[in-house]
Amino acid sequence: MFIIGELINGMYNNIGRAIKEHDRAVIQKCALDQINAGADCLDVNCGPASKQPISDLPWLVEVIQEVTNKPLSLDSSKPQVIEAGLKVAKNKMVINSVTADPEKLEVLLPLAKKYNTKLIGLTISAKGIPQNKDQRLELAATIVAHCADAGFPVEDLYLDPIVLPVNVAQAQMKDILESIHEFKIISDPSPKTIVGHRELRRVIWSTVYS
């Protein structure tokens, strides 16, 4: 199991304020607290607090790298922001994330290949969230096929089946488990899987690779 801590995100008040004020101590404490709690990798997202993410994300990467050599998962909807972070990276990175939409795969796959990163692929598209196992598998196959065409190593791909909140989708778990099983046989070598979840008592977002 490989756990990604997701607290370095500008959506949280303390992190958003630290980004605006360039407060290194707050960012570094958050990074170390997550690592000490068991995180193997740290997600880094400027969030809505940043007005200049193309400079703020590299700053966050450099500040975190001062206190740890753990891999970082760079999270942004803008490829140019992700690349700005990758340019200052010293260790193995993860791009978080790409959907099954061809226009997005055609941008982020070359970026992942250029910087030798891992890549999280979401089984979701512009058409919406998949409603069953077959739809998840179809979207997963689309992502894997694009990886093969681009020469990106499938073993560095992590597929996310998209788990919805239990209070709105209580019947989903059978489909999710079957999807994860079928992701493993979709290609050889097979992609890895990743599942996002929230530990409510700690209000900590984390992501688990399996």
C-alpha atoms as a PDB file:
ATOM      1  CA  MET A   1       0.000   0.000   0.000  1.00  0.00           C
ATOM      2  CA  PHE A   2       1.229   3.459  -0.938  1.00  0.00           C
ATOM      3  CA  ILE A   3      -0.486   6.400   0.761  1.00  0.00           C
ATOM      4  CA  ILE A   4      -0.664   9.944  -0.586  1.00  0.00           C
ATOM      5  CA  GLY A   5      -1.378  12.697   1.932  1.00  0.00           C
ATOM      6  CA  GLU A   6      -3.536  15.447   0.454  1.00  0.00           C
ATOM      7  CA  LEU A   7      -3.411  18.285   2.964  1.00  0.00           C
ATOM      8  CA  ILE A   8      -1.082  20.629   1.054  1.00  0.00           C
ATOM      9  CA  ASN A   9      -3.940  22.200  -0.811  1.00  0.00           C
ATOM     10  CA  GLY A  10      -4.849  25.871  -1.042  1.00  0.00           C
ATOM     11  CA  MET A  11      -8.488  25.025  -0.352  1.00  0.00           C
ATOM     12  CA  TYR A  12      -7.541  24.707   3.326  1.00  0.00           C
ATOM     13  CA  ASN A  13      -7.360  28.061   5.104  1.00  0.00           C
ATOM     14  CA  ASN A  14      -3.949  27.549   6.708  1.00  0.00           C
ATOM     15  CA  ILE A  15      -2.332  26.367   3.470  1.00  0.00           C
ATOM     16  CA  GLY A  16      -4.037  29.030   1.382  1.00  0.00           C
ATOM     17  CA  ARG A  17      -2.756  31.709   3.729  1.00  0.00           C
ATOM     18  CA  ALA A  18       0.744  30.191   3.705  1.00  0.00           C
ATOM     19  CA  ILE A  19       0.795  30.247  -0.098  1.00  0.00           C
ATOM     20  CA  LYS A  20      -0.249  33.898  -0.205  1.00  0.00           C
ATOM     21  CA  GLU A  21       2.321  34.884   2.441  1.00  0.00           C
ATOM     22  CA  HIS A  22       5.028  32.451   1.278  1.00  0.00           C
ATOM     23  CA  ASP A  23       5.190  31.022   4.785  1.00  0.00           C
ATOM     24  CA  ARG A  24       7.617  28.128   4.410  1.00  0.00           C
ATOM     25  CA  ALA A  25       7.237  26.935   8.008  1.00  0.00           C
ATOM     26  CA  VAL A  26       3.522  26.162   7.676  1.00  0.00           C
ATOM     27  CA  ILE A  27       4.017  24.215   4.441  1.00  0.00           C
ATOM     28  CA  GLN A  28       6.978  22.266   5.785  1.00  0.00           C
ATOM     29  CA  LYS A  29       5.202  21.396   9.038  1.00  0.00           C
ATOM     30  CA  CYS A  30       2.190  20.125   7.100  1.00  0.00           C
ATOM     31  CA  ALA A  31       4.478  18.014   4.913  1.00  0.00           C
ATOM     32  CA  LEU A  32       6.322  16.483   7.859  1.00  0.00           C
ATOM     33  CA  ASP A  33       3.135  15.905   9.877  1.00  0.00           C
ATOM     34  CA  GLN A  34       1.691  13.846   7.021  1.00  0.00           C
ATOM     35  CA  ILE A  35       4.894  11.866   6.554  1.00  0.00           C
ATOM     36  CA  ASN A  36       5.073  11.150  10.274  1.00  0.00           C
ATOM     37  CA  ALA A  37       1.459   9.945  10.089  1.00  0.00           C
ATOM     38  CA  GLY A  38       2.413   7.422   7.395  1.00  0.00           C
ATOM     39  CA  ALA A  39       2.187   9.223   4.051  1.00  0.00           C
ATOM     40  CA  ASP A  40       4.510   7.844   1.355  1.00  0.00           C
ATOM     41  CA  CYS A  41       3.856  10.702  -1.063  1.00  0.00           C
ATOM     42  CA  LEU A  42       2.444  14.225  -0.788  1.00  0.00           C
ATOM     43  CA  ASP A  43      -0.135  15.762  -3.070  1.00  0.00           C
ATOM     44  CA  VAL A  44       0.574  19.421  -3.865  1.00  0.00           C
ATOM     45  CA  ASN A  45      -2.229  21.672  -5.059  1.00  0.00           C
ATOM     46  CA  CYS A  46      -2.260  25.477  -5.049  1.00  0.00           C
ATOM     47  CA  GLY A  47      -6.055  25.492  -4.958  1.00  0.00           C
ATOM     48  CA  PRO A  48      -8.164  28.634  -5.201  1.00  0.00           C
ATOM     49  CA  ALA A  49      -5.851  30.610  -2.910  1.00  0.00           C
ATOM     50  CA  SER A  50      -3.256  31.098  -5.622  1.00  0.00           C
ATOM     51  CA  LYS A  51      -3.571  33.845  -8.212  1.00  0.00           C
ATOM     52  CA  GLN A  52      -0.280  32.793  -9.834  1.00  0.00           C
ATOM     53  CA  PRO A  53      -0.150  28.995  -9.697  1.00  0.00           C
ATOM     54  CA  ILE A  54       2.522  28.844 -12.389  1.00  0.00           C
ATOM     55  CA  SER A  55       4.958  30.369  -9.877  1.00  0.00           C
ATOM     56  CA  ASP A  56       3.338  29.169  -6.654  1.00  0.00           C
ATOM     57  CA  LEU A  57       3.451  25.447  -7.487  1.00  0.00           C
ATOM     58  CA  PRO A  58       7.223  25.442  -8.134  1.00  0.00           C
ATOM     59  CA  TRP A  59       7.656  27.387  -4.883  1.00  0.00           C
ATOM     60  CA  LEU A  60       5.683  24.734  -3.002  1.00  0.00           C
ATOM     61  CA  VAL A  61       7.723  21.934  -4.595  1.00  0.00           C
ATOM     62  CA  GLU A  62      11.018  23.581  -3.658  1.00  0.00           C
ATOM     63  CA  VAL A  63       9.881  24.323  -0.092  1.00  0.00           C
ATOM     64  CA  ILE A  64       8.713  20.737   0.484  1.00  0.00           C
ATOM     65  CA  GLN A  65      11.873  19.290  -1.052  1.00  0.00           C
ATOM     66  CA  GLU A  66      13.914  21.168   1.559  1.00  0.00           C
ATOM     67  CA  VAL A  67      12.552  18.867   4.282  1.00  0.00           C
ATOM     68  CA  THR A  68      11.819  15.575   2.515  1.00  0.00           C
ATOM     69  CA  ASN A  69      12.788  13.511  -0.506  1.00  0.00           C
ATOM     70  CA  LYS A  70       9.402  11.790  -0.630  1.00  0.00           C
ATOM     71  CA  PRO A  71       7.746  11.814  -4.076  1.00  0.00           C
ATOM     72  CA  LEU A  72       5.215  14.546  -4.762  1.00  0.00           C
ATOM     73  CA  SER A  73       1.923  14.334  -6.613  1.00  0.00           C
ATOM     74  CA  LEU A  74       1.408  17.532  -8.596  1.00  0.00           C
ATOM     75  CA  ASP A  75      -2.260  18.424  -8.820  1.00  0.00           C
ATOM     76  CA  SER A  76      -3.576  21.063 -11.212  1.00  0.00           C
ATOM     77  CA  SER A  77      -6.072  21.288 -14.058  1.00  0.00           C
ATOM     78  CA  LYS A  78      -3.543  23.312 -16.063  1.00  0.00           C
ATOM     79  CA  PRO A  79      -0.735  21.379 -17.794  1.00  0.00           C
ATOM     80  CA  GLN A  80       1.537  24.441 -17.848  1.00  0.00           C
ATOM     81  CA  VAL A  81       1.291  24.680 -14.057  1.00  0.00           C
ATOM     82  CA  ILE A  82       2.164  21.007 -13.651  1.00  0.00           C
ATOM     83  CA  GLU A  83       5.149  21.392 -15.961  1.00  0.00           C
ATOM     84  CA  ALA A  84       6.366  24.395 -13.987  1.00  0.00           C
ATOM     85  CA  GLY A  85       6.421  22.182 -10.894  1.00  0.00           C
ATOM     86  CA  LEU A  86       8.112  19.327 -12.716  1.00  0.00           C
ATOM     87  CA  LYS A  87      10.933  21.607 -13.838  1.00  0.00           C
ATOM     88  CA  VAL A  88      12.138  22.069 -10.246  1.00  0.00           C
ATOM     89  CA  ALA A  89      11.506  18.492  -9.110  1.00  0.00           C
ATOM     90  CA  LYS A  90      14.447  16.524  -7.729  1.00  0.00           C
ATOM     91  CA  ASN A  91      12.705  13.190  -7.171  1.00  0.00           C
ATOM     92  CA  LYS A  92      10.142  10.949  -8.844  1.00  0.00           C
ATOM     93  CA  MET A  93       6.872  12.807  -9.372  1.00  0.00           C
ATOM     94  CA  VAL A  94       3.257  11.861  -9.973  1.00  0.00           C
ATOM     95  CA  ILE A  95       0.914  13.819 -12.232  1.00  0.00           C
ATOM     96  CA  ASN A  96      -2.520  13.998 -10.638  1.00  0.00           C
ATOM     97  CA  SER A  97      -4.468  13.489 -12.850  1.00  0.00           C
ATOM     98  CA  VAL A  98      -5.835  12.850 -16.346  1.00  0.00           C
ATOM     99  CA  THR A  99      -9.317  11.801 -17.428  1.00  0.00           C
ATOM    100  CA  ALA A 100     -10.200   9.465 -20.307  1.00  0.00           C
ATOM    101  CA  ASP A 101     -10.791  12.391 -22.676  1.00  0.00           C
ATOM    102  CA  PRO A 102      -8.428  12.077 -25.679  1.00  0.00           C
ATOM    103  CA  GLU A 103      -7.666  15.809 -25.792  1.00  0.00           C
ATOM    104  CA  LYS A 104      -6.404  15.682 -22.205  1.00  0.00           C
ATOM    105  CA  LEU A 105      -4.479  12.441 -22.641  1.00  0.00           C
ATOM    106  CA  GLU A 106      -2.741  13.875 -25.688  1.00  0.00           C
ATOM    107  CA  VAL A 107      -1.395  16.748 -23.560  1.00  0.00           C
ATOM    108  CA  LEU A 108      -0.535  15.062 -20.252  1.00  0.00           C
ATOM    109  CA  LEU A 109       0.880  11.761 -21.505  1.00  0.00           C
ATOM    110  CA  PRO A 110       3.771  13.436 -23.386  1.00  0.00           C
ATOM    111  CA  LEU A 111       4.404  15.543 -20.272  1.00  0.00           C
ATOM    112  CA  ALA A 112       4.531  12.458 -18.045  1.00  0.00           C
ATOM    113  CA  LYS A 113       6.847  10.728 -20.500  1.00  0.00           C
ATOM    114  CA  LYS A 114       9.139  13.777 -20.877  1.00  0.00           C
ATOM    115  CA  TYR A 115       9.678  14.109 -17.116  1.00  0.00           C
ATOM    116  CA  ASN A 116       9.566  10.376 -16.345  1.00  0.00           C
ATOM    117  CA  THR A 117       6.674  10.693 -13.914  1.00  0.00           C
ATOM    118  CA  LYS A 118       3.930   8.387 -12.775  1.00  0.00           C
ATOM    119  CA  LEU A 119       0.386   9.244 -13.846  1.00  0.00           C
ATOM    120  CA  ILE A 120      -3.023   8.934 -12.205  1.00  0.00           C
ATOM    121  CA  GLY A 121      -5.810   8.149 -14.665  1.00  0.00           C
ATOM    122  CA  LEU A 122      -9.396   8.829 -13.629  1.00  0.00           C
ATOM    123  CA  THR A 123     -12.069   6.590 -15.111  1.00  0.00           C
ATOM    124  CA  ILE A 124     -14.231   9.576 -15.894  1.00  0.00           C
ATOM    125  CA  SER A 125     -14.780  11.649 -19.024  1.00  0.00           C
ATOM    126  CA  ALA A 126     -16.589  14.725 -20.246  1.00  0.00           C
ATOM    127  CA  LYS A 127     -19.707  12.554 -20.430  1.00  0.00           C
ATOM    128  CA  GLY A 128     -19.709  12.241 -16.649  1.00  0.00           C
ATOM    129  CA  ILE A 129     -19.109   9.717 -13.888  1.00  0.00           C
ATOM    130  CA  PRO A 130     -19.353   6.019 -14.861  1.00  0.00           C
ATOM    131  CA  GLN A 131     -22.440   4.299 -13.521  1.00  0.00           C
ATOM    132  CA  ASN A 132     -21.301   0.684 -13.644  1.00  0.00           C
ATOM    133  CA  LYS A 133     -18.338  -1.658 -14.020  1.00  0.00           C
ATOM    134  CA  ASP A 134     -18.566  -1.845 -17.812  1.00  0.00           C
ATOM    135  CA  GLN A 135     -18.367   1.921 -18.197  1.00  0.00           C
ATOM    136  CA  ARG A 136     -15.391   2.070 -15.837  1.00  0.00           C
ATOM    137  CA  LEU A 137     -13.633  -0.660 -17.789  1.00  0.00           C
ATOM    138  CA  GLU A 138     -14.271   1.089 -21.106  1.00  0.00           C
ATOM    139  CA  LEU A 139     -12.760   4.321 -19.802  1.00  0.00           C
ATOM    140  CA  ALA A 140      -9.825   2.454 -18.277  1.00  0.00           C
ATOM    141  CA  ALA A 141      -9.166   0.719 -21.609  1.00  0.00           C
ATOM    142  CA  THR A 142      -9.169   4.106 -23.351  1.00  0.00           C
ATOM    143  CA  ILE A 143      -6.511   5.425 -20.972  1.00  0.00           C
ATOM    144  CA  VAL A 144      -4.372   2.285 -21.265  1.00  0.00           C
ATOM    145  CA  ALA A 145      -4.605   2.332 -25.067  1.00  0.00           C
ATOM    146  CA  HIS A 146      -3.424   5.938 -25.203  1.00  0.00           C
ATOM    147  CA  CYS A 147      -0.535   5.074 -22.880  1.00  0.00           C
ATOM    148  CA  ALA A 148       0.526   2.261 -25.198  1.00  0.00           C
ATOM    149  CA  ASP A 149       0.290   4.496 -28.279  1.00  0.00           C
ATOM    150  CA  ALA A 150       2.343   7.217 -26.561  1.00  0.00           C
ATOM    151  CA  GLY A 151       5.016   4.802 -25.348  1.00  0.00           C
ATOM    152  CA  PHE A 152       4.220   5.544 -21.709  1.00  0.00           C
ATOM    153  CA  PRO A 153       4.936   2.570 -19.396  1.00  0.00           C
ATOM    154  CA  VAL A 154       1.610   1.152 -18.202  1.00  0.00           C
ATOM    155  CA  GLU A 155       3.228   0.009 -14.955  1.00  0.00           C
ATOM    156  CA  ASP A 156       3.598   3.729 -14.076  1.00  0.00           C
ATOM    157  CA  LEU A 157      -0.144   4.284 -14.575  1.00  0.00           C
ATOM    158  CA  TYR A 158      -2.544   4.303 -11.624  1.00  0.00           C
ATOM    159  CA  LEU A 159      -6.223   3.863 -12.485  1.00  0.00           C
ATOM    160  CA  ASP A 160      -8.861   5.346 -10.201  1.00  0.00           C
ATOM    161  CA  PRO A 161     -12.320   3.701 -10.444  1.00  0.00           C
ATOM    162  CA  ILE A 162     -13.957   6.829  -8.936  1.00  0.00           C
ATOM    163  CA  VAL A 163     -15.591   6.006  -5.632  1.00  0.00           C
ATOM    164  CA  LEU A 164     -18.627   8.169  -4.917  1.00  0.00           C
ATOM    165  CA  PRO A 165     -19.643   9.197  -1.396  1.00  0.00           C
ATOM    166  CA  VAL A 166     -21.356   6.276   0.314  1.00  0.00           C
ATOM    167  CA  ASN A 167     -24.355   8.402   1.270  1.00  0.00           C
ATOM    168  CA  VAL A 168     -25.267   8.839  -2.411  1.00  0.00           C
ATOM    169  CA  ALA A 169     -24.078   5.512  -3.855  1.00  0.00           C
ATOM    170  CA  GLN A 170     -24.366   2.743  -1.305  1.00  0.00           C
ATOM    171  CA  ALA A 171     -24.629  -0.002  -3.934  1.00  0.00           C
ATOM    172  CA  GLN A 172     -21.428   0.897  -5.759  1.00  0.00           C
ATOM    173  CA  MET A 173     -18.880  -1.185  -3.861  1.00  0.00           C
ATOM    174  CA  LYS A 174     -19.448  -4.464  -5.727  1.00  0.00           C
ATOM    175  CA  ASP A 175     -18.862  -2.631  -9.017  1.00  0.00           C
ATOM    176  CA  ILE A 176     -15.779  -0.886  -7.617  1.00  0.00           C
ATOM    177  CA  LEU A 177     -14.175  -4.135  -6.436  1.00  0.00           C
ATOM    178  CA  GLU A 178     -14.940  -5.890  -9.717  1.00  0.00           C
ATOM    179  CA  SER A 179     -13.544  -2.919 -11.640  1.00  0.00           C
ATOM    180  CA  ILE A 180     -10.276  -3.010  -9.691  1.00  0.00           C
ATOM    181  CA  HIS A 181      -9.967  -6.727 -10.402  1.00  0.00           C
ATOM    182  CA  GLU A 182     -10.520  -6.216 -14.129  1.00  0.00           C
ATOM    183  CA  PHE A 183      -8.112  -3.273 -14.276  1.00  0.00           C
ATOM    184  CA  LYS A 184      -5.405  -5.767 -13.297  1.00  0.00           C
ATOM    185  CA  ILE A 185      -6.019  -7.920 -16.375  1.00  0.00           C
ATOM    186  CA  ILE A 186      -6.559  -5.145 -18.885  1.00  0.00           C
ATOM    187  CA  SER A 187      -2.949  -5.296 -20.065  1.00  0.00           C
ATOM    188  CA  ASP A 188       0.388  -6.982 -19.424  1.00  0.00           C
ATOM    189  CA  PRO A 189       2.112  -5.458 -17.553  1.00  0.00           C
ATOM    190  CA  SER A 190      -0.956  -4.291 -15.709  1.00  0.00           C
ATOM    191  CA  PRO A 191      -1.650  -0.788 -14.410  1.00  0.00           C
ATOM    192  CA  LYS A 192      -1.813  -0.187 -10.689  1.00  0.00           C
ATOM    193  CA  THR A 193      -4.965   1.021  -8.952  1.00  0.00           C
ATOM    194  CA  ILE A 194      -5.633   4.018  -6.779  1.00  0.00           C
ATOM    195  CA  VAL A 195      -8.618   4.862  -4.591  1.00  0.00           C
ATOM    196  CA  GLY A 196      -9.329   8.223  -2.994  1.00  0.00           C
ATOM    197  CA  HIS A 197     -11.018   8.333   0.383  1.00  0.00           C
ATOM    198  CA  ARG A 198     -11.603  10.643   3.307  1.00  0.00           C
ATOM    199  CA  GLU A 199     -10.962   9.703   6.921  1.00  0.00           C
ATOM    200  CA  LEU A 200     -13.807  11.665   8.492  1.00  0.00           C
ATOM    201  CA  ARG A 201     -12.585  11.749  12.064  1.00  0.00           C
ATOM    202  CA  ARG A 202      -9.319  13.442  11.084  1.00  0.00           C
ATOM    203  CA  VAL A 203     -10.707  15.334   8.093  1.00  0.00           C
ATOM    204  CA  ILE A 204      -7.710  14.184   6.107  1.00  0.00           C
ATOM    205  CA  TRP A 205      -7.860  13.447   2.414  1.00  0.00           C
ATOM    206  CA  SER A 206      -5.596  10.640   1.380  1.00  0.00           C
ATOM    207  CA  THR A 207      -5.182   8.398  -1.591  1.00  0.00           C
ATOM    208  CA  VAL A 208      -4.208   4.766  -1.516  1.00  0.00           C
ATOM    209  CA  TYR A 209      -2.328   2.843  -4.175  1.00  0.00           C
ATOM    210  CA  SER A 210      -2.753  -0.903  -4.249  1.00  0.00           C
END
